N, C-alpha and C. Protein backbone atom coordinates (compact mmCIF):
# COMPACT_ATOMS: atom_id res chain seq x y z
N MET A 1 -1.82 24.43 14.87
CA MET A 1 -1.53 25.09 13.77
C MET A 1 -2.24 26.34 14.03
N LEU A 2 -1.39 27.60 14.10
CA LEU A 2 -1.79 28.97 14.18
C LEU A 2 -1.87 29.63 12.73
N ASP A 3 -3.16 30.30 12.69
CA ASP A 3 -3.58 30.74 11.66
C ASP A 3 -3.25 32.47 11.73
N GLY A 4 -2.01 33.00 11.37
CA GLY A 4 -1.87 34.26 11.48
C GLY A 4 -3.06 35.38 10.86
N ARG A 5 -3.77 34.54 9.83
CA ARG A 5 -4.65 35.46 8.96
C ARG A 5 -6.02 35.85 9.91
N GLY A 6 -6.40 34.94 10.88
CA GLY A 6 -7.19 34.95 11.65
C GLY A 6 -8.37 34.45 10.65
N LEU A 7 -8.66 33.28 9.81
CA LEU A 7 -9.58 32.83 9.21
C LEU A 7 -10.34 32.08 9.95
N CYS A 8 -10.04 31.18 11.06
CA CYS A 8 -10.88 30.64 12.13
C CYS A 8 -10.67 30.91 13.49
N PRO A 9 -11.69 30.94 14.34
CA PRO A 9 -11.73 31.15 15.42
C PRO A 9 -10.86 30.44 16.48
N VAL A 10 -10.41 30.75 17.82
CA VAL A 10 -9.30 30.17 18.46
C VAL A 10 -10.22 28.67 18.57
N GLY A 11 -9.08 27.89 18.78
CA GLY A 11 -9.43 26.26 18.78
C GLY A 11 -9.82 25.68 17.71
N TRP A 12 -9.93 26.43 16.44
CA TRP A 12 -9.93 26.09 15.46
C TRP A 12 -9.17 26.31 14.27
N HIS A 13 -8.80 25.53 13.35
CA HIS A 13 -7.95 25.66 11.90
C HIS A 13 -8.22 25.65 10.62
N VAL A 14 -7.59 26.28 9.63
CA VAL A 14 -7.80 25.99 8.26
C VAL A 14 -7.36 24.59 8.02
N PRO A 15 -8.03 23.68 7.42
CA PRO A 15 -7.78 22.32 7.31
C PRO A 15 -6.40 21.92 6.39
N SER A 16 -5.56 20.97 6.94
CA SER A 16 -4.46 20.58 6.16
C SER A 16 -4.79 19.72 5.20
N GLU A 17 -4.11 19.25 4.39
CA GLU A 17 -4.47 18.06 3.46
C GLU A 17 -4.62 17.01 4.09
N SER A 18 -3.86 16.85 5.13
CA SER A 18 -4.25 15.79 6.21
C SER A 18 -5.45 15.69 6.73
N ASP A 19 -6.03 16.75 7.00
CA ASP A 19 -7.27 16.81 7.46
C ASP A 19 -8.47 16.29 6.47
N TRP A 20 -8.29 17.03 5.17
CA TRP A 20 -8.90 16.47 4.50
C TRP A 20 -9.07 15.19 3.97
N GLU A 21 -7.78 14.44 3.94
CA GLU A 21 -7.53 13.19 3.54
C GLU A 21 -8.27 12.07 4.96
N ASP A 22 -8.23 12.93 5.75
CA ASP A 22 -9.07 12.08 7.22
C ASP A 22 -10.42 12.11 6.83
N LEU A 23 -10.94 13.23 6.34
CA LEU A 23 -12.48 13.39 5.93
C LEU A 23 -12.83 12.17 4.88
N VAL A 24 -11.86 12.23 4.07
CA VAL A 24 -12.32 11.11 2.76
C VAL A 24 -12.29 9.75 3.33
N ALA A 25 -11.52 9.49 3.78
CA ALA A 25 -11.03 8.11 4.61
C ALA A 25 -12.65 7.81 5.60
N HIS A 26 -12.61 8.61 5.98
CA HIS A 26 -13.80 8.48 7.34
C HIS A 26 -15.30 8.19 6.24
N VAL A 27 -15.37 9.13 5.52
CA VAL A 27 -16.63 9.08 4.45
C VAL A 27 -16.39 7.98 3.65
N SER A 28 -15.08 7.40 3.43
CA SER A 28 -15.19 6.24 2.42
C SER A 28 -15.32 5.02 3.09
N GLU A 29 -15.12 4.90 4.41
CA GLU A 29 -15.09 3.84 5.02
C GLU A 29 -16.69 3.63 5.67
N GLN A 30 -17.25 4.78 6.12
CA GLN A 30 -18.69 4.43 6.52
C GLN A 30 -19.67 4.61 5.46
N SER A 31 -19.50 4.90 4.37
CA SER A 31 -20.28 4.76 3.39
C SER A 31 -20.41 3.60 2.52
N ALA A 32 -19.23 2.97 2.95
CA ALA A 32 -19.25 1.67 1.89
C ALA A 32 -19.34 0.34 3.06
N MET A 33 -19.84 0.70 4.18
CA MET A 33 -19.78 -0.50 5.17
C MET A 33 -20.78 -1.55 4.65
N GLY A 34 -20.40 -2.42 4.43
CA GLY A 34 -20.97 -4.20 3.92
C GLY A 34 -20.78 -4.05 2.38
N VAL A 35 -20.01 -3.15 1.73
CA VAL A 35 -19.93 -3.11 0.41
C VAL A 35 -18.62 -4.05 0.30
N GLU A 36 -18.43 -5.22 -0.49
CA GLU A 36 -17.14 -5.68 -0.49
C GLU A 36 -16.77 -5.57 -2.54
N VAL A 37 -15.76 -4.84 -2.41
CA VAL A 37 -15.25 -4.55 -3.79
C VAL A 37 -14.13 -5.31 -4.41
N GLU A 38 -14.12 -6.63 -4.72
CA GLU A 38 -12.69 -7.58 -5.12
C GLU A 38 -11.73 -7.44 -4.04
N GLY A 39 -12.13 -7.48 -2.78
CA GLY A 39 -11.24 -7.73 -1.43
C GLY A 39 -11.01 -6.31 -0.88
N TRP A 40 -11.42 -5.11 -1.64
CA TRP A 40 -11.51 -3.89 -0.96
C TRP A 40 -12.58 -3.41 -0.54
N ASN A 41 -12.73 -3.13 0.85
CA ASN A 41 -13.98 -2.83 1.41
C ASN A 41 -13.83 -1.33 1.83
N GLY A 42 -14.08 -0.16 0.92
CA GLY A 42 -13.84 1.06 0.71
C GLY A 42 -14.68 1.71 -0.07
N MET A 43 -14.39 3.05 -0.33
CA MET A 43 -15.59 4.02 -1.29
C MET A 43 -14.17 4.57 -2.00
N ALA A 44 -14.04 4.78 -3.29
CA ALA A 44 -13.15 5.62 -4.31
C ALA A 44 -13.25 7.04 -3.75
N HIS A 45 -12.16 7.73 -3.92
CA HIS A 45 -12.46 9.35 -3.56
C HIS A 45 -13.36 9.60 -4.55
N TRP A 46 -13.49 9.43 -5.79
CA TRP A 46 -14.31 10.15 -6.94
C TRP A 46 -15.75 9.92 -6.51
N GLU A 47 -16.01 9.21 -5.50
CA GLU A 47 -17.91 9.04 -4.95
C GLU A 47 -17.76 10.05 -3.50
N VAL A 48 -16.74 10.60 -2.96
CA VAL A 48 -16.83 10.98 -1.64
C VAL A 48 -17.43 12.51 -1.64
N GLY A 49 -17.11 13.17 -2.63
CA GLY A 49 -18.06 14.37 -2.91
C GLY A 49 -19.59 14.17 -2.70
N GLN A 50 -20.09 13.38 -3.36
CA GLN A 50 -21.84 13.25 -3.12
C GLN A 50 -22.45 12.81 -2.10
N PHE A 51 -21.72 12.59 -0.88
CA PHE A 51 -21.75 12.51 0.52
C PHE A 51 -21.95 14.01 1.16
N LEU A 52 -20.89 14.77 0.67
CA LEU A 52 -20.99 16.09 1.41
C LEU A 52 -21.78 17.14 0.82
N LYS A 53 -22.32 17.19 -0.57
CA LYS A 53 -23.13 17.76 -0.87
C LYS A 53 -24.60 18.30 -0.21
N ASP A 54 -24.84 19.37 -0.10
CA ASP A 54 -26.44 19.71 0.59
C ASP A 54 -27.27 19.03 -0.33
N SER A 55 -28.53 18.92 -0.16
CA SER A 55 -29.52 18.16 -1.06
C SER A 55 -29.72 19.01 -1.83
N CYS A 56 -29.70 20.61 -1.49
CA CYS A 56 -30.31 21.63 -2.28
C CYS A 56 -29.60 21.90 -3.20
N CYS A 57 -29.54 22.85 -4.39
CA CYS A 57 -28.86 23.48 -4.92
C CYS A 57 -28.28 23.61 -5.77
N TRP A 58 -28.02 22.22 -5.94
CA TRP A 58 -26.84 21.57 -7.10
C TRP A 58 -27.63 21.34 -8.28
N LEU A 59 -28.67 21.11 -8.39
CA LEU A 59 -29.32 21.04 -9.77
C LEU A 59 -30.59 21.46 -10.04
N PRO A 60 -31.39 21.81 -11.27
CA PRO A 60 -33.00 21.95 -10.96
C PRO A 60 -33.64 21.21 -10.37
N PRO A 61 -34.63 21.94 -9.84
CA PRO A 61 -35.88 20.66 -8.78
C PRO A 61 -36.27 19.78 -9.79
N ARG A 62 -36.37 19.48 -11.17
CA ARG A 62 -36.87 18.47 -11.87
C ARG A 62 -35.64 17.48 -11.47
N LEU A 63 -34.46 17.62 -11.54
CA LEU A 63 -33.51 16.69 -11.53
C LEU A 63 -33.30 15.95 -9.79
N LEU A 64 -33.39 17.38 -8.94
CA LEU A 64 -33.24 16.51 -7.89
C LEU A 64 -34.13 15.83 -7.18
N ALA A 65 -35.60 15.99 -7.91
CA ALA A 65 -36.44 14.92 -7.43
C ALA A 65 -36.18 13.77 -7.66
N LEU A 66 -35.30 13.54 -8.52
CA LEU A 66 -34.95 11.70 -8.82
C LEU A 66 -33.57 11.60 -8.27
N ASP A 67 -33.95 10.50 -7.31
CA ASP A 67 -32.88 9.70 -6.20
C ASP A 67 -31.55 9.66 -6.63
N GLU A 68 -31.52 9.25 -8.27
CA GLU A 68 -30.26 8.94 -8.87
C GLU A 68 -29.00 10.36 -8.67
N PHE A 69 -29.99 11.37 -8.89
CA PHE A 69 -29.36 12.96 -8.96
C PHE A 69 -29.17 13.63 -7.66
N LYS A 70 -29.76 12.99 -6.51
CA LYS A 70 -30.09 13.74 -5.24
C LYS A 70 -28.57 13.59 -4.49
N PRO A 71 -28.29 14.73 -4.30
CA PRO A 71 -26.90 14.58 -2.85
C PRO A 71 -27.30 14.13 -1.60
N THR A 72 -26.48 13.62 -1.13
CA THR A 72 -27.11 13.01 0.17
C THR A 72 -26.90 13.53 1.54
N ASN A 73 -25.80 14.63 1.75
CA ASN A 73 -25.37 15.12 3.24
C ASN A 73 -25.37 14.49 4.07
N ASP A 74 -25.06 13.08 3.68
CA ASP A 74 -24.63 12.11 4.76
C ASP A 74 -24.28 12.81 6.00
N TYR A 75 -23.33 13.35 6.00
CA TYR A 75 -22.29 13.47 7.23
C TYR A 75 -22.50 15.21 7.63
N GLY A 76 -23.64 15.94 7.35
CA GLY A 76 -24.12 17.30 8.01
C GLY A 76 -22.87 18.43 7.18
N PHE A 77 -22.03 17.89 6.10
CA PHE A 77 -21.11 19.21 5.52
C PHE A 77 -21.62 20.27 4.80
N LYS A 78 -23.01 19.77 4.25
CA LYS A 78 -23.96 20.79 3.72
C LYS A 78 -23.11 21.43 2.71
N ALA A 79 -22.43 20.88 1.36
CA ALA A 79 -21.52 22.06 0.61
C ALA A 79 -22.30 22.39 -0.55
N ILE A 80 -22.60 23.50 -0.52
CA ILE A 80 -23.37 24.28 -1.82
C ILE A 80 -22.65 25.09 -2.40
N PRO A 81 -23.00 25.12 -3.89
CA PRO A 81 -22.60 25.71 -4.94
C PRO A 81 -21.97 27.16 -4.94
N SER A 82 -21.35 27.71 -3.82
CA SER A 82 -20.53 28.99 -3.67
C SER A 82 -19.77 29.38 -4.65
N GLY A 83 -19.48 28.67 -5.38
CA GLY A 83 -17.92 29.40 -6.57
C GLY A 83 -17.00 29.68 -6.18
N GLU A 84 -16.15 30.59 -6.56
CA GLU A 84 -14.88 31.22 -6.28
C GLU A 84 -15.00 32.71 -6.66
N ARG A 85 -13.84 33.42 -6.39
CA ARG A 85 -13.61 35.00 -6.69
C ARG A 85 -12.51 34.72 -7.58
N SER A 86 -12.52 34.95 -8.66
CA SER A 86 -11.05 34.69 -9.76
C SER A 86 -10.04 35.56 -9.24
N PHE A 87 -8.78 35.26 -9.88
CA PHE A 87 -7.76 36.12 -9.55
C PHE A 87 -7.67 37.29 -10.17
N SER A 88 -8.66 37.99 -11.10
CA SER A 88 -9.06 39.31 -11.49
C SER A 88 -10.49 39.95 -11.04
N GLY A 89 -10.75 39.08 -10.01
CA GLY A 89 -11.92 39.87 -9.13
C GLY A 89 -13.50 39.63 -9.27
N PHE A 90 -13.50 38.88 -10.36
CA PHE A 90 -14.77 38.30 -10.88
C PHE A 90 -15.20 37.05 -10.09
N PHE A 91 -16.37 37.10 -9.75
CA PHE A 91 -16.85 36.02 -8.91
C PHE A 91 -17.49 34.99 -10.04
N LEU A 92 -17.41 33.93 -9.75
CA LEU A 92 -18.32 32.82 -11.00
C LEU A 92 -18.15 31.36 -10.26
N ASP A 93 -19.03 30.65 -11.06
CA ASP A 93 -19.54 29.28 -10.75
C ASP A 93 -20.26 29.05 -9.27
N ALA A 94 -21.09 30.18 -9.25
CA ALA A 94 -21.92 29.75 -7.80
C ALA A 94 -23.18 29.39 -8.58
N GLY A 95 -24.36 28.67 -7.53
CA GLY A 95 -25.23 28.62 -7.91
C GLY A 95 -25.39 27.05 -8.63
N VAL A 96 -26.90 27.04 -9.23
CA VAL A 96 -27.01 25.45 -9.91
C VAL A 96 -25.72 25.39 -10.73
N TYR A 97 -25.70 24.31 -10.89
CA TYR A 97 -24.60 23.78 -11.96
C TYR A 97 -23.21 24.54 -11.69
N GLY A 98 -22.98 25.08 -10.49
CA GLY A 98 -21.91 25.43 -10.09
C GLY A 98 -20.62 24.56 -9.14
N SER A 99 -19.93 24.90 -8.36
CA SER A 99 -19.43 24.40 -7.64
C SER A 99 -18.47 24.72 -6.51
N ALA A 100 -18.09 24.11 -5.38
CA ALA A 100 -17.88 24.38 -3.98
C ALA A 100 -16.52 24.33 -3.66
N LYS A 101 -15.84 25.70 -3.25
CA LYS A 101 -14.23 25.47 -3.42
C LYS A 101 -13.85 26.01 -2.03
N TRP A 102 -12.82 24.87 -1.29
CA TRP A 102 -11.99 25.36 -0.03
C TRP A 102 -10.63 25.29 -0.03
N TRP A 103 -10.30 26.37 0.65
CA TRP A 103 -8.40 26.13 0.50
C TRP A 103 -8.36 25.56 1.53
N SER A 104 -6.88 24.71 1.48
CA SER A 104 -6.26 23.77 2.71
C SER A 104 -5.05 24.88 3.22
N SER A 105 -4.68 24.45 3.84
CA SER A 105 -3.46 25.46 4.34
C SER A 105 -2.40 24.94 4.06
N ASP A 106 -1.84 23.91 2.95
CA ASP A 106 -0.83 23.15 2.75
C ASP A 106 -0.62 24.31 1.29
N LEU A 107 1.15 24.45 1.50
CA LEU A 107 1.81 25.08 0.41
C LEU A 107 2.29 24.07 -0.55
N VAL A 108 2.59 24.38 -1.88
CA VAL A 108 2.99 23.81 -3.03
C VAL A 108 3.86 25.22 -3.75
N GLY A 109 4.82 24.91 -3.45
CA GLY A 109 5.88 26.04 -3.96
C GLY A 109 5.05 27.56 -3.53
N ASN A 110 4.52 28.57 -4.26
CA ASN A 110 4.13 29.48 -4.19
C ASN A 110 2.51 29.26 -4.29
N GLU A 111 1.99 28.13 -4.45
CA GLU A 111 0.25 27.83 -4.44
C GLU A 111 0.04 27.08 -3.37
N LEU A 112 -1.37 27.77 -3.06
CA LEU A 112 -1.87 26.53 -1.97
C LEU A 112 -2.74 25.76 -2.71
N ARG A 113 -2.94 24.67 -1.78
CA ARG A 113 -3.72 23.05 -1.92
C ARG A 113 -5.01 24.03 -1.54
N TRP A 114 -6.02 23.19 -2.68
CA TRP A 114 -7.53 23.18 -2.49
C TRP A 114 -8.39 22.12 -2.87
N ARG A 115 -9.75 22.00 -2.26
CA ARG A 115 -10.49 20.98 -2.37
C ARG A 115 -11.69 21.62 -3.10
N TYR A 116 -12.30 20.83 -3.99
CA TYR A 116 -13.58 21.06 -4.53
C TYR A 116 -14.71 20.04 -4.94
N VAL A 117 -15.79 20.25 -5.13
CA VAL A 117 -16.89 19.34 -5.32
C VAL A 117 -17.80 20.20 -6.60
N THR A 118 -18.17 19.66 -7.74
CA THR A 118 -18.85 20.28 -8.52
C THR A 118 -20.16 19.74 -8.70
N SER A 119 -21.14 20.01 -9.78
CA SER A 119 -22.50 19.49 -10.02
C SER A 119 -22.56 18.45 -10.80
N ILE A 120 -21.50 18.39 -11.80
CA ILE A 120 -21.09 17.19 -12.65
C ILE A 120 -20.68 15.94 -12.48
N ASP A 121 -20.08 15.92 -11.40
CA ASP A 121 -19.76 14.54 -10.81
C ASP A 121 -20.03 14.15 -9.20
N SER A 122 -19.29 13.26 -8.88
CA SER A 122 -19.66 12.78 -7.24
C SER A 122 -18.27 12.83 -6.54
N ALA A 123 -16.88 13.09 -7.05
CA ALA A 123 -15.66 13.32 -6.52
C ALA A 123 -15.60 14.60 -5.72
N LEU A 124 -14.27 14.49 -4.40
CA LEU A 124 -13.81 15.52 -3.73
C LEU A 124 -12.75 15.89 -4.69
N HIS A 125 -12.23 16.85 -5.24
CA HIS A 125 -11.43 17.17 -6.40
C HIS A 125 -9.97 17.68 -5.48
N GLU A 126 -9.06 17.65 -5.97
CA GLU A 126 -7.95 18.22 -5.28
C GLU A 126 -7.26 19.15 -6.15
N ALA A 127 -6.72 20.16 -5.60
CA ALA A 127 -5.88 20.79 -6.60
C ALA A 127 -4.92 22.18 -6.18
N GLN A 128 -4.32 22.84 -6.61
CA GLN A 128 -3.30 23.97 -6.15
C GLN A 128 -3.90 25.32 -6.99
N ALA A 129 -3.69 26.16 -6.62
CA ALA A 129 -3.79 27.63 -7.07
C ALA A 129 -2.91 28.68 -6.44
N MET A 130 -2.89 30.28 -7.53
CA MET A 130 -2.33 31.10 -6.79
C MET A 130 -2.88 31.58 -5.69
N ARG A 131 -2.53 32.29 -4.65
CA ARG A 131 -3.45 32.83 -3.67
C ARG A 131 -4.22 34.22 -4.05
N THR A 132 -3.96 34.74 -4.99
CA THR A 132 -4.75 35.67 -5.34
C THR A 132 -6.05 35.05 -5.94
N ARG A 133 -6.82 33.82 -5.90
CA ARG A 133 -7.99 33.41 -5.72
C ARG A 133 -8.70 33.34 -4.94
N GLY A 134 -10.08 33.37 -4.76
CA GLY A 134 -10.48 33.47 -3.48
C GLY A 134 -11.60 32.28 -3.36
N PHE A 135 -11.30 31.32 -2.46
CA PHE A 135 -12.15 30.24 -1.81
C PHE A 135 -12.55 30.13 -0.87
N ALA A 136 -13.89 29.71 -0.36
CA ALA A 136 -14.27 29.27 1.09
C ALA A 136 -13.33 28.97 2.18
N VAL A 137 -13.31 28.79 3.29
CA VAL A 137 -12.61 28.22 4.31
C VAL A 137 -13.56 27.30 5.03
N ARG A 138 -13.16 26.03 5.48
CA ARG A 138 -13.82 25.63 6.40
C ARG A 138 -13.19 25.25 7.50
N CYS A 139 -13.32 25.45 8.52
CA CYS A 139 -12.64 25.12 9.68
C CYS A 139 -13.17 24.35 10.45
N VAL A 140 -11.79 23.50 10.82
CA VAL A 140 -11.48 22.53 11.74
C VAL A 140 -11.39 22.33 12.91
N LYS A 141 -12.28 21.76 14.18
CA LYS A 141 -11.82 22.15 15.28
C LYS A 141 -10.79 21.09 15.88
N ASP A 142 -9.55 21.95 16.61
CA ASP A 142 -8.78 21.41 17.24
C ASP A 142 -8.96 20.10 17.83
N VAL A 143 -7.94 19.03 17.94
CA VAL A 143 -8.28 18.33 18.78
C VAL A 143 -7.34 18.17 19.90
N ALA A 144 -7.78 18.20 20.94
CA ALA A 144 -6.57 17.98 22.28
C ALA A 144 -5.88 16.76 22.12
N LYS A 145 -4.47 16.81 22.52
CA LYS A 145 -3.34 15.88 22.26
C LYS A 145 -3.58 15.55 23.65
């Protein structure tokens, strides 16, 4: 997929929803190895975000010291609470108790899909937004076919 905006270097692309779903499936499978839940071996999408968050920056140090609150970053994704640029041009939601938000390349009508994690839960959420908002971009390496 060619990105005419030049967001990613040659050989890389802005992730599609399919790329994000592949990431969720991989983290779910790998993180739930040996966990059997009523015949289903896997992890729900609402738990995947916790494995993508960097081990710092999401909560105050006093809470990060407790294992039950500490993000694991098991896959080297290193999500940090970078926030967003709102449609009005203001920056918000960065830092402790914030969120991390990334564009997808998929359009839904006039809006783009995006994914995000927050400090208040363990999910990797999905949504769509006007292109006037500003989120981060995580580039995905192209795979030779």
